[in-house]
Amino acid sequence: MADAFEVSTTETEVILRGGGTELTRYVYRPETAQREAPKPYLYPVRFLDGGPAAVRRPWDHRWHVGLQFTWSHVDDQNFWGGPTFSAEHGYRHLKNTGSMRHTGFATAPAGGEVVTLDESLQWVTIHGEHWVDEHRVHRFHSLDTERGVWAVDFSTTLTNVRGSTIPLGSPTTAGRPNAGYTGWFWRGPRSWTGCTLIGSDGSTGEDALMGSSEPDWVAFSSEHDELDGGGTVLAFKGSSSSADTHVPPVKWFTRTTPFTVASQSPAFDEKIHLPHGGSLHLEHRFAFINGVHSPESIRQLAQQLSV
């Protein structure tokens, strides 16, 4: 039997605890500057031993926040934050940063072995135009205080309500190589810079994994700063699908230098042209595990946590 999460809720966030540790907060009504594209996020994110598993607003990219769902190129709008890339001008700060606005939970969040946050959101441009309806579900599960494990699933359905087709892309589709960051995005702590990175297909290191669709999962392992010990972050590729348009395979955006990030990118190097009324569905998983594990141990954990 899995251990149980404890949940408390305020008017702006849902707080999850397990094994005496505050594991994460889902901030669904953030106080975020418009230039950083306001959107819900998970932060802090911690391992069960209390070790940090993410950062918020690092100096190099203020719009990187813990674990969050983002999209950098939504036609000419930016729901990612910061400057927008184009082949003609490179990165420029434009007045085009939209917001992902929480409109309600289907049921009040409650504790238990599985915690489900069933949420509705609207994507609104900086000009106040409502372009996308989103049905988002976070599912927290697999809490095991003895093994030091917890996991969260993310599933979402995006429906175009703009009235015309919306191209969904990334900096790479705009002309910058290996910059397919968009989708569910994790930013690791500074101490994880240069950490160990492996993929399910035997690939190692960011150069081998960047832009690949082959690994079913990737795993990062590092020692902590300040706190003795370390942790392992296991990300599962999941899926991207639509009955209304062509959808490319999910590809990995992974880096360990100059900082550590991971994203299951649904539009790494190919745009998704979502028609009016059409929907796109995504499903992914992250697991947070105490300790720096060997590749064989990670494979065993991945097999157990992939079910």
C-alpha atoms as a PDB file:
ATOM      1  CA  MET A   1       0.000   0.000   0.000  1.00  0.00           C
ATOM      2  CA  ALA A   2       1.306   3.452  -0.932  1.00  0.00           C
ATOM      3  CA  ASP A   3       1.721   6.178   1.642  1.00  0.00           C
ATOM      4  CA  ALA A   4      -0.753   9.053   1.704  1.00  0.00           C
ATOM      5  CA  PHE A   5      -0.214  12.665   0.704  1.00  0.00           C
ATOM      6  CA  GLU A   6      -1.464  15.457   2.926  1.00  0.00           C
ATOM      7  CA  VAL A   7      -3.099  18.368   1.108  1.00  0.00           C
ATOM      8  CA  SER A   8      -3.983  21.902   2.126  1.00  0.00           C
ATOM      9  CA  THR A   9      -5.349  24.648  -0.098  1.00  0.00           C
ATOM     10  CA  THR A  10      -5.297  28.439  -0.118  1.00  0.00           C
ATOM     11  CA  GLU A  11      -6.867  30.880  -2.566  1.00  0.00           C
ATOM     12  CA  THR A  12      -3.716  30.741  -4.700  1.00  0.00           C
ATOM     13  CA  GLU A  13      -2.031  27.352  -4.220  1.00  0.00           C
ATOM     14  CA  VAL A  14      -2.364  23.680  -3.332  1.00  0.00           C
ATOM     15  CA  ILE A  15       0.275  22.367  -0.901  1.00  0.00           C
ATOM     16  CA  LEU A  16       1.268  18.671  -0.897  1.00  0.00           C
ATOM     17  CA  ARG A  17       3.183  17.012   1.936  1.00  0.00           C
ATOM     18  CA  GLY A  18       4.456  13.485   2.353  1.00  0.00           C
ATOM     19  CA  GLY A  19       6.598  11.766   4.959  1.00  0.00           C
ATOM     20  CA  GLY A  20       6.896  14.998   6.951  1.00  0.00           C
ATOM     21  CA  THR A  21       8.244  16.972   3.966  1.00  0.00           C
ATOM     22  CA  GLU A  22       6.538  19.660   1.950  1.00  0.00           C
ATOM     23  CA  LEU A  23       7.037  18.107  -1.487  1.00  0.00           C
ATOM     24  CA  THR A  24       5.540  20.781  -3.706  1.00  0.00           C
ATOM     25  CA  ARG A  25       3.087  23.607  -4.118  1.00  0.00           C
ATOM     26  CA  TYR A  26       0.887  24.013  -7.166  1.00  0.00           C
ATOM     27  CA  VAL A  27       0.575  27.768  -7.538  1.00  0.00           C
ATOM     28  CA  TYR A  28      -2.542  28.119  -9.680  1.00  0.00           C
ATOM     29  CA  ARG A  29      -2.987  31.877  -9.274  1.00  0.00           C
ATOM     30  CA  PRO A  30       0.582  33.204  -9.466  1.00  0.00           C
ATOM     31  CA  GLU A  31       1.737  36.766  -8.960  1.00  0.00           C
ATOM     32  CA  THR A  32       3.901  36.752 -12.073  1.00  0.00           C
ATOM     33  CA  ALA A  33       4.994  39.762 -14.104  1.00  0.00           C
ATOM     34  CA  GLN A  34       3.311  39.894 -17.516  1.00  0.00           C
ATOM     35  CA  ARG A  35       6.682  39.786 -19.325  1.00  0.00           C
ATOM     36  CA  GLU A  36       7.224  36.334 -17.760  1.00  0.00           C
ATOM     37  CA  ALA A  37       3.903  35.006 -19.167  1.00  0.00           C
ATOM     38  CA  PRO A  38       1.841  34.287 -16.021  1.00  0.00           C
ATOM     39  CA  LYS A  39       0.874  30.644 -15.678  1.00  0.00           C
ATOM     40  CA  PRO A  40       0.422  27.995 -12.945  1.00  0.00           C
ATOM     41  CA  TYR A  41       3.512  26.108 -11.794  1.00  0.00           C
ATOM     42  CA  LEU A  42       4.844  23.566  -9.299  1.00  0.00           C
ATOM     43  CA  TYR A  43       7.358  25.146  -6.917  1.00  0.00           C
ATOM     44  CA  PRO A  44       9.044  24.377  -4.638  1.00  0.00           C
ATOM     45  CA  VAL A  45       9.716  20.798  -5.741  1.00  0.00           C
ATOM     46  CA  ARG A  46      11.533  18.625  -3.185  1.00  0.00           C
ATOM     47  CA  PHE A  47      12.704  15.071  -2.712  1.00  0.00           C
ATOM     48  CA  LEU A  48      11.369  13.218   0.302  1.00  0.00           C
ATOM     49  CA  ASP A  49      14.613  13.863   2.182  1.00  0.00           C
ATOM     50  CA  GLY A  50      14.029  17.593   1.743  1.00  0.00           C
ATOM     51  CA  GLY A  51      16.605  18.089  -0.986  1.00  0.00           C
ATOM     52  CA  PRO A  52      15.676  20.742  -3.595  1.00  0.00           C
ATOM     53  CA  ALA A  53      14.646  19.440  -7.011  1.00  0.00           C
ATOM     54  CA  ALA A  54      13.984  22.715  -8.839  1.00  0.00           C
ATOM     55  CA  VAL A  55      14.576  26.461  -8.904  1.00  0.00           C
ATOM     56  CA  ARG A  56      12.322  29.473  -9.419  1.00  0.00           C
ATOM     57  CA  ARG A  57      13.209  32.589 -11.430  1.00  0.00           C
ATOM     58  CA  PRO A  58      16.962  31.948 -11.884  1.00  0.00           C
ATOM     59  CA  TRP A  59      18.926  35.049 -12.877  1.00  0.00           C
ATOM     60  CA  ASP A  60      19.597  33.804 -16.404  1.00  0.00           C
ATOM     61  CA  HIS A  61      15.940  33.054 -17.258  1.00  0.00           C
ATOM     62  CA  ARG A  62      13.452  34.645 -14.861  1.00  0.00           C
ATOM     63  CA  TRP A  63      10.573  32.802 -16.563  1.00  0.00           C
ATOM     64  CA  HIS A  64      11.962  29.361 -15.627  1.00  0.00           C
ATOM     65  CA  VAL A  65       9.895  28.248 -12.646  1.00  0.00           C
ATOM     66  CA  GLY A  66      10.103  24.766 -11.097  1.00  0.00           C
ATOM     67  CA  LEU A  67       7.976  22.396 -13.161  1.00  0.00           C
ATOM     68  CA  GLN A  68       5.450  24.093 -15.423  1.00  0.00           C
ATOM     69  CA  PHE A  69       3.567  23.743 -18.698  1.00  0.00           C
ATOM     70  CA  THR A  70       4.685  26.300 -21.271  1.00  0.00           C
ATOM     71  CA  TRP A  71       4.506  27.089 -24.972  1.00  0.00           C
ATOM     72  CA  SER A  72       6.938  29.530 -26.565  1.00  0.00           C
ATOM     73  CA  HIS A  73       5.458  30.073 -30.053  1.00  0.00           C
ATOM     74  CA  VAL A  74       1.650  30.148 -30.241  1.00  0.00           C
ATOM     75  CA  ASP A  75       1.271  31.811 -33.625  1.00  0.00           C
ATOM     76  CA  ASP A  76       2.837  35.224 -32.886  1.00  0.00           C
ATOM     77  CA  GLN A  77       2.176  35.015 -29.143  1.00  0.00           C
ATOM     78  CA  ASN A  78       4.532  33.817 -26.385  1.00  0.00           C
ATOM     79  CA  PHE A  79       3.092  31.801 -23.484  1.00  0.00           C
ATOM     80  CA  TRP A  80       6.612  30.883 -22.333  1.00  0.00           C
ATOM     81  CA  GLY A  81       7.909  34.229 -21.115  1.00  0.00           C
ATOM     82  CA  GLY A  82      10.843  36.472 -21.832  1.00  0.00           C
ATOM     83  CA  PRO A  83      12.010  37.331 -25.369  1.00  0.00           C
ATOM     84  CA  THR A  84      10.689  35.700 -28.536  1.00  0.00           C
ATOM     85  CA  PHE A  85      13.028  34.186 -31.147  1.00  0.00           C
ATOM     86  CA  SER A  86      12.835  34.817 -34.886  1.00  0.00           C
ATOM     87  CA  ALA A  87      15.311  33.954 -37.606  1.00  0.00           C
ATOM     88  CA  GLU A  88      15.343  37.597 -38.750  1.00  0.00           C
ATOM     89  CA  HIS A  89      15.989  39.303 -35.415  1.00  0.00           C
ATOM     90  CA  GLY A  90      17.133  36.631 -32.953  1.00  0.00           C
ATOM     91  CA  TYR A  91      15.683  37.101 -29.473  1.00  0.00           C
ATOM     92  CA  ARG A  92      13.688  40.262 -28.863  1.00  0.00           C
ATOM     93  CA  HIS A  93      11.379  41.376 -26.074  1.00  0.00           C
ATOM     94  CA  LEU A  94       7.984  41.955 -27.662  1.00  0.00           C
ATOM     95  CA  LYS A  95       4.597  42.874 -26.251  1.00  0.00           C
ATOM     96  CA  ASN A  96       3.277  39.376 -26.910  1.00  0.00           C
ATOM     97  CA  THR A  97       3.433  37.429 -23.621  1.00  0.00           C
ATOM     98  CA  GLY A  98       0.118  35.759 -22.865  1.00  0.00           C
ATOM     99  CA  SER A  99      -1.347  34.191 -19.714  1.00  0.00           C
ATOM    100  CA  MET A 100      -2.647  30.738 -18.804  1.00  0.00           C
ATOM    101  CA  ARG A 101      -5.477  31.570 -16.419  1.00  0.00           C
ATOM    102  CA  HIS A 102      -6.928  29.143 -13.888  1.00  0.00           C
ATOM    103  CA  THR A 103     -10.725  29.185 -13.995  1.00  0.00           C
ATOM    104  CA  GLY A 104     -11.528  26.404 -11.522  1.00  0.00           C
ATOM    105  CA  PHE A 105     -11.051  22.896 -10.139  1.00  0.00           C
ATOM    106  CA  ALA A 106     -13.643  20.227 -10.951  1.00  0.00           C
ATOM    107  CA  THR A 107     -13.500  19.051  -7.323  1.00  0.00           C
ATOM    108  CA  ALA A 108     -11.774  20.395  -4.234  1.00  0.00           C
ATOM    109  CA  PRO A 109      -8.233  18.959  -3.909  1.00  0.00           C
ATOM    110  CA  ALA A 110      -7.996  16.343  -1.152  1.00  0.00           C
ATOM    111  CA  GLY A 111      -5.277  14.161   0.371  1.00  0.00           C
ATOM    112  CA  GLY A 112      -4.837  10.424  -0.061  1.00  0.00           C
ATOM    113  CA  GLU A 113      -2.679   7.836  -1.806  1.00  0.00           C
ATOM    114  CA  VAL A 114      -3.509   9.599  -5.075  1.00  0.00           C
ATOM    115  CA  VAL A 115      -4.127  13.336  -5.312  1.00  0.00           C
ATOM    116  CA  THR A 116      -5.836  14.659  -8.435  1.00  0.00           C
ATOM    117  CA  LEU A 117      -5.991  18.303  -9.444  1.00  0.00           C
ATOM    118  CA  ASP A 118      -8.597  18.475 -12.221  1.00  0.00           C
ATOM    119  CA  GLU A 119      -8.398  22.004 -13.578  1.00  0.00           C
ATOM    120  CA  SER A 120      -9.819  24.255 -16.291  1.00  0.00           C
ATOM    121  CA  LEU A 121      -7.785  27.106 -17.774  1.00  0.00           C
ATOM    122  CA  GLN A 122      -7.998  29.711 -20.517  1.00  0.00           C
ATOM    123  CA  TRP A 123      -5.075  30.926 -22.631  1.00  0.00           C
ATOM    124  CA  VAL A 124      -5.452  34.673 -23.086  1.00  0.00           C
ATOM    125  CA  THR A 125      -3.150  36.870 -25.186  1.00  0.00           C
ATOM    126  CA  ILE A 126      -1.593  40.084 -23.908  1.00  0.00           C
ATOM    127  CA  HIS A 127      -4.384  41.873 -25.811  1.00  0.00           C
ATOM    128  CA  GLY A 128      -7.088  39.967 -23.905  1.00  0.00           C
ATOM    129  CA  GLU A 129      -8.006  37.555 -26.703  1.00  0.00           C
ATOM    130  CA  HIS A 130      -9.127  34.100 -25.564  1.00  0.00           C
ATOM    131  CA  TRP A 131      -7.421  31.586 -27.874  1.00  0.00           C
ATOM    132  CA  VAL A 132      -7.302  28.211 -26.091  1.00  0.00           C
ATOM    133  CA  ASP A 133      -9.373  26.278 -23.563  1.00  0.00           C
ATOM    134  CA  GLU A 134      -7.359  23.812 -21.506  1.00  0.00           C
ATOM    135  CA  HIS A 135      -8.445  20.862 -19.381  1.00  0.00           C
ATOM    136  CA  ARG A 136      -5.417  20.006 -17.218  1.00  0.00           C
ATOM    137  CA  VAL A 137      -4.994  17.176 -14.722  1.00  0.00           C
ATOM    138  CA  HIS A 138      -2.099  16.704 -12.288  1.00  0.00           C
ATOM    139  CA  ARG A 139      -2.094  13.293 -10.609  1.00  0.00           C
ATOM    140  CA  PHE A 140       0.305  12.815  -7.672  1.00  0.00           C
ATOM    141  CA  HIS A 141       0.985   9.178  -6.789  1.00  0.00           C
ATOM    142  CA  SER A 142       3.521   6.440  -5.892  1.00  0.00           C
ATOM    143  CA  LEU A 143       4.469   8.063  -2.579  1.00  0.00           C
ATOM    144  CA  ASP A 144       6.831   5.634  -0.862  1.00  0.00           C
ATOM    145  CA  THR A 145       8.601   7.048   2.168  1.00  0.00           C
ATOM    146  CA  GLU A 146      10.667   3.887   2.665  1.00  0.00           C
ATOM    147  CA  ARG A 147      12.175   3.989  -0.822  1.00  0.00           C
ATOM    148  CA  GLY A 148      12.111   7.780  -1.045  1.00  0.00           C
ATOM    149  CA  VAL A 149       9.927   8.099  -4.140  1.00  0.00           C
ATOM    150  CA  TRP A 150       7.016  10.199  -5.334  1.00  0.00           C
ATOM    151  CA  ALA A 151       5.665  10.920  -8.805  1.00  0.00           C
ATOM    152  CA  VAL A 152       3.370  13.266 -10.677  1.00  0.00           C
ATOM    153  CA  ASP A 153       1.525  12.747 -13.959  1.00  0.00           C
ATOM    154  CA  PHE A 154       0.492  15.595 -16.199  1.00  0.00           C
ATOM    155  CA  SER A 155      -2.243  15.281 -18.795  1.00  0.00           C
ATOM    156  CA  THR A 156      -3.851  18.083 -20.733  1.00  0.00           C
ATOM    157  CA  THR A 157      -6.226  18.702 -23.595  1.00  0.00           C
ATOM    158  CA  LEU A 158      -5.833  21.974 -25.484  1.00  0.00           C
ATOM    159  CA  THR A 159      -8.794  23.114 -27.608  1.00  0.00           C
ATOM    160  CA  ASN A 160      -8.491  25.939 -30.118  1.00  0.00           C
ATOM    161  CA  VAL A 161     -11.331  28.470 -29.643  1.00  0.00           C
ATOM    162  CA  ARG A 162      -9.738  31.372 -31.560  1.00  0.00           C
ATOM    163  CA  GLY A 163     -11.802  30.957 -34.750  1.00  0.00           C
ATOM    164  CA  SER A 164      -8.864  30.049 -37.019  1.00  0.00           C
ATOM    165  CA  THR A 165      -5.948  27.609 -37.111  1.00  0.00           C
ATOM    166  CA  ILE A 166      -3.230  28.199 -34.504  1.00  0.00           C
ATOM    167  CA  PRO A 167       0.337  27.158 -35.381  1.00  0.00           C
ATOM    168  CA  LEU A 168       2.107  25.812 -32.275  1.00  0.00           C
ATOM    169  CA  GLY A 169       5.884  25.872 -32.493  1.00  0.00           C
ATOM    170  CA  SER A 170       9.182  26.485 -30.713  1.00  0.00           C
ATOM    171  CA  PRO A 171      12.376  28.516 -31.210  1.00  0.00           C
ATOM    172  CA  THR A 172      13.632  25.646 -33.386  1.00  0.00           C
ATOM    173  CA  THR A 173      10.622  25.836 -35.704  1.00  0.00           C
ATOM    174  CA  ALA A 174      11.391  29.593 -35.830  1.00  0.00           C
ATOM    175  CA  GLY A 175      14.975  28.899 -36.931  1.00  0.00           C
ATOM    176  CA  ARG A 176      17.170  28.279 -33.863  1.00  0.00           C
ATOM    177  CA  PRO A 177      18.716  24.762 -33.850  1.00  0.00           C
ATOM    178  CA  ASN A 178      18.249  22.532 -30.803  1.00  0.00           C
ATOM    179  CA  ALA A 179      15.968  24.980 -29.011  1.00  0.00           C
ATOM    180  CA  GLY A 180      12.749  22.985 -29.024  1.00  0.00           C
ATOM    181  CA  TYR A 181      11.848  23.921 -25.479  1.00  0.00           C
ATOM    182  CA  THR A 182       8.113  24.051 -25.091  1.00  0.00           C
ATOM    183  CA  GLY A 183       5.683  21.792 -23.229  1.00  0.00           C
ATOM    184  CA  TRP A 184       6.055  20.464 -19.672  1.00  0.00           C
ATOM    185  CA  PHE A 185       9.340  22.001 -18.542  1.00  0.00           C
ATOM    186  CA  TRP A 186      11.576  21.276 -15.517  1.00  0.00           C
ATOM    187  CA  ARG A 187      14.485  23.456 -14.398  1.00  0.00           C
ATOM    188  CA  GLY A 188      16.926  21.797 -12.000  1.00  0.00           C
ATOM    189  CA  PRO A 189      18.922  23.391  -9.165  1.00  0.00           C
ATOM    190  CA  ARG A 190      22.305  25.039  -9.830  1.00  0.00           C
ATOM    191  CA  SER A 191      24.058  22.134  -8.133  1.00  0.00           C
ATOM    192  CA  TRP A 192      22.738  19.865 -10.902  1.00  0.00           C
ATOM    193  CA  THR A 193      24.727  21.668 -13.614  1.00  0.00           C
ATOM    194  CA  GLY A 194      26.845  19.026 -15.368  1.00  0.00           C
ATOM    195  CA  CYS A 195      24.983  16.183 -13.667  1.00  0.00           C
ATOM    196  CA  THR A 196      24.711  12.610 -14.963  1.00  0.00           C
ATOM    197  CA  LEU A 197      22.101  12.145 -17.718  1.00  0.00           C
ATOM    198  CA  ILE A 198      21.041   8.835 -19.255  1.00  0.00           C
ATOM    199  CA  GLY A 199      18.246   7.642 -21.520  1.00  0.00           C
ATOM    200  CA  SER A 200      16.297   4.399 -21.698  1.00  0.00           C
ATOM    201  CA  ASP A 201      17.957   3.571 -25.034  1.00  0.00           C
ATOM    202  CA  GLY A 202      21.447   3.672 -23.494  1.00  0.00           C
ATOM    203  CA  SER A 203      22.216   7.221 -24.636  1.00  0.00           C
ATOM    204  CA  THR A 204      24.208   9.383 -22.234  1.00  0.00           C
ATOM    205  CA  GLY A 205      24.715  13.134 -22.105  1.00  0.00           C
ATOM    206  CA  GLU A 206      22.794  16.068 -23.524  1.00  0.00           C
ATOM    207  CA  ASP A 207      24.329  15.894 -27.011  1.00  0.00           C
ATOM    208  CA  ALA A 208      23.040  12.351 -27.565  1.00  0.00           C
ATOM    209  CA  LEU A 209      19.595  13.014 -26.120  1.00  0.00           C
ATOM    210  CA  MET A 210      18.807  16.511 -27.374  1.00  0.00           C
ATOM    211  CA  GLY A 211      16.080  16.309 -30.023  1.00  0.00           C
ATOM    212  CA  SER A 212      15.791  12.523 -29.841  1.00  0.00           C
ATOM    213  CA  SER A 213      12.422  10.776 -29.841  1.00  0.00           C
ATOM    214  CA  GLU A 214      13.895   7.361 -29.031  1.00  0.00           C
ATOM    215  CA  PRO A 215      14.179   7.195 -25.209  1.00  0.00           C
ATOM    216  CA  ASP A 216      10.975   6.371 -23.369  1.00  0.00           C
ATOM    217  CA  TRP A 217      12.515   8.094 -20.352  1.00  0.00           C
ATOM    218  CA  VAL A 218      15.513  10.154 -19.336  1.00  0.00           C
ATOM    219  CA  ALA A 219      17.072  10.346 -15.872  1.00  0.00           C
ATOM    220  CA  PHE A 220      19.179  13.016 -14.170  1.00  0.00           C
ATOM    221  CA  SER A 221      21.228  12.287 -11.014  1.00  0.00           C
ATOM    222  CA  SER A 222      23.212  14.684  -8.836  1.00  0.00           C
ATOM    223  CA  GLU A 223      24.459  15.427  -5.347  1.00  0.00           C
ATOM    224  CA  HIS A 224      22.767  18.257  -3.439  1.00  0.00           C
ATOM    225  CA  ASP A 225      24.332  21.434  -2.206  1.00  0.00           C
ATOM    226  CA  GLU A 226      24.127  22.003   1.586  1.00  0.00           C
ATOM    227  CA  LEU A 227      22.158  18.805   2.290  1.00  0.00           C
ATOM    228  CA  ASP A 228      24.123  15.536   2.365  1.00  0.00           C
ATOM    229  CA  GLY A 229      23.114  13.040  -0.307  1.00  0.00           C
ATOM    230  CA  GLY A 230      21.555  13.509  -3.703  1.00  0.00           C
ATOM    231  CA  GLY A 231      18.617  12.684  -5.893  1.00  0.00           C
ATOM    232  CA  THR A 232      17.426  11.297  -9.210  1.00  0.00           C
ATOM    233  CA  VAL A 233      14.807  12.904 -11.456  1.00  0.00           C
ATOM    234  CA  LEU A 234      13.151  10.490 -13.855  1.00  0.00           C
ATOM    235  CA  ALA A 235      11.120  11.934 -16.742  1.00  0.00           C
ATOM    236  CA  PHE A 236       8.900   9.770 -18.951  1.00  0.00           C
ATOM    237  CA  LYS A 237       8.275  10.816 -22.555  1.00  0.00           C
ATOM    238  CA  GLY A 238       4.569  10.027 -22.570  1.00  0.00           C
ATOM    239  CA  SER A 239       2.519  10.886 -25.635  1.00  0.00           C
ATOM    240  CA  SER A 240       1.053  13.577 -27.874  1.00  0.00           C
ATOM    241  CA  SER A 241      -2.049  12.960 -29.976  1.00  0.00           C
ATOM    242  CA  SER A 242      -4.859  14.639 -31.887  1.00  0.00           C
ATOM    243  CA  ALA A 243      -7.799  13.430 -33.952  1.00  0.00           C
ATOM    244  CA  ASP A 244      -7.887  16.797 -35.719  1.00  0.00           C
ATOM    245  CA  THR A 245      -4.387  17.385 -37.098  1.00  0.00           C
ATOM    246  CA  HIS A 246      -0.993  15.812 -37.739  1.00  0.00           C
ATOM    247  CA  VAL A 247       1.100  15.600 -34.577  1.00  0.00           C
ATOM    248  CA  PRO A 248       4.880  14.971 -34.676  1.00  0.00           C
ATOM    249  CA  PRO A 249       6.530  12.633 -32.168  1.00  0.00           C
ATOM    250  CA  VAL A 250       7.461  13.994 -28.765  1.00  0.00           C
ATOM    251  CA  LYS A 251      11.169  14.819 -28.672  1.00  0.00           C
ATOM    252  CA  TRP A 252      13.443  15.506 -25.727  1.00  0.00           C
ATOM    253  CA  PHE A 253      14.770  18.935 -24.911  1.00  0.00           C
ATOM    254  CA  THR A 254      17.533  18.140 -22.407  1.00  0.00           C
ATOM    255  CA  ARG A 255      20.495  20.085 -21.074  1.00  0.00           C
ATOM    256  CA  THR A 256      22.915  19.725 -18.199  1.00  0.00           C
ATOM    257  CA  THR A 257      25.021  22.775 -19.138  1.00  0.00           C
ATOM    258  CA  PRO A 258      25.002  25.699 -18.630  1.00  0.00           C
ATOM    259  CA  PHE A 259      22.081  24.568 -16.479  1.00  0.00           C
ATOM    260  CA  THR A 260      19.934  21.459 -16.170  1.00  0.00           C
ATOM    261  CA  VAL A 261      16.521  21.318 -17.845  1.00  0.00           C
ATOM    262  CA  ALA A 262      14.178  18.751 -19.344  1.00  0.00           C
ATOM    263  CA  SER A 263      11.057  19.026 -21.442  1.00  0.00           C
ATOM    264  CA  GLN A 264       8.957  16.513 -23.338  1.00  0.00           C
ATOM    265  CA  SER A 265       8.650  18.813 -26.349  1.00  0.00           C
ATOM    266  CA  PRO A 266       5.569  18.263 -28.537  1.00  0.00           C
ATOM    267  CA  ALA A 267       6.785  20.724 -31.208  1.00  0.00           C
ATOM    268  CA  PHE A 268      10.570  20.413 -31.031  1.00  0.00           C
ATOM    269  CA  ASP A 269      11.305  20.978 -34.723  1.00  0.00           C
ATOM    270  CA  GLU A 270       7.900  20.670 -36.389  1.00  0.00           C
ATOM    271  CA  LYS A 271       4.858  22.886 -35.883  1.00  0.00           C
ATOM    272  CA  ILE A 272       1.453  21.577 -34.911  1.00  0.00           C
ATOM    273  CA  HIS A 273      -1.300  23.334 -36.875  1.00  0.00           C
ATOM    274  CA  LEU A 274      -4.302  23.090 -34.562  1.00  0.00           C
ATOM    275  CA  PRO A 275      -7.550  23.956 -36.400  1.00  0.00           C
ATOM    276  CA  HIS A 276     -10.396  25.890 -34.844  1.00  0.00           C
ATOM    277  CA  GLY A 277     -12.342  23.490 -32.620  1.00  0.00           C
ATOM    278  CA  GLY A 278      -9.511  20.953 -32.754  1.00  0.00           C
ATOM    279  CA  SER A 279      -7.866  19.463 -29.675  1.00  0.00           C
ATOM    280  CA  LEU A 280      -4.370  18.318 -28.772  1.00  0.00           C
ATOM    281  CA  HIS A 281      -3.824  15.840 -25.928  1.00  0.00           C
ATOM    282  CA  LEU A 282      -0.554  15.361 -24.003  1.00  0.00           C
ATOM    283  CA  GLU A 283       0.408  12.918 -21.232  1.00  0.00           C
ATOM    284  CA  HIS A 284       3.732  12.865 -19.326  1.00  0.00           C
ATOM    285  CA  ARG A 285       5.267  11.816 -15.971  1.00  0.00           C
ATOM    286  CA  PHE A 286       8.040  12.938 -13.632  1.00  0.00           C
ATOM    287  CA  ALA A 287       9.319  10.976 -10.620  1.00  0.00           C
ATOM    288  CA  PHE A 288      11.538  12.294  -7.822  1.00  0.00           C
ATOM    289  CA  ILE A 289      13.738   9.724  -6.074  1.00  0.00           C
ATOM    290  CA  ASN A 290      16.072  10.052  -3.104  1.00  0.00           C
ATOM    291  CA  GLY A 291      19.699   9.195  -3.831  1.00  0.00           C
ATOM    292  CA  VAL A 292      22.109   9.084  -6.755  1.00  0.00           C
ATOM    293  CA  HIS A 293      21.327   5.790  -8.469  1.00  0.00           C
ATOM    294  CA  SER A 294      23.335   3.568 -10.798  1.00  0.00           C
ATOM    295  CA  PRO A 295      22.078   3.094 -14.376  1.00  0.00           C
ATOM    296  CA  GLU A 296      20.863  -0.409 -13.516  1.00  0.00           C
ATOM    297  CA  SER A 297      18.994   0.837 -10.449  1.00  0.00           C
ATOM    298  CA  ILE A 298      17.417   3.609 -12.532  1.00  0.00           C
ATOM    299  CA  ARG A 299      16.257   1.058 -15.109  1.00  0.00           C
ATOM    300  CA  GLN A 300      14.565  -0.977 -12.397  1.00  0.00           C
ATOM    301  CA  LEU A 301      12.907   2.104 -10.937  1.00  0.00           C
ATOM    302  CA  ALA A 302      11.759   3.227 -14.388  1.00  0.00           C
ATOM    303  CA  GLN A 303      10.178  -0.161 -15.041  1.00  0.00           C
ATOM    304  CA  GLN A 304       8.327  -0.016 -11.736  1.00  0.00           C
ATOM    305  CA  LEU A 305       7.209   3.594 -12.190  1.00  0.00           C
ATOM    306  CA  SER A 306       6.181   3.284 -15.829  1.00  0.00           C
ATOM    307  CA  VAL A 307       3.154   1.153 -14.973  1.00  0.00           C
END
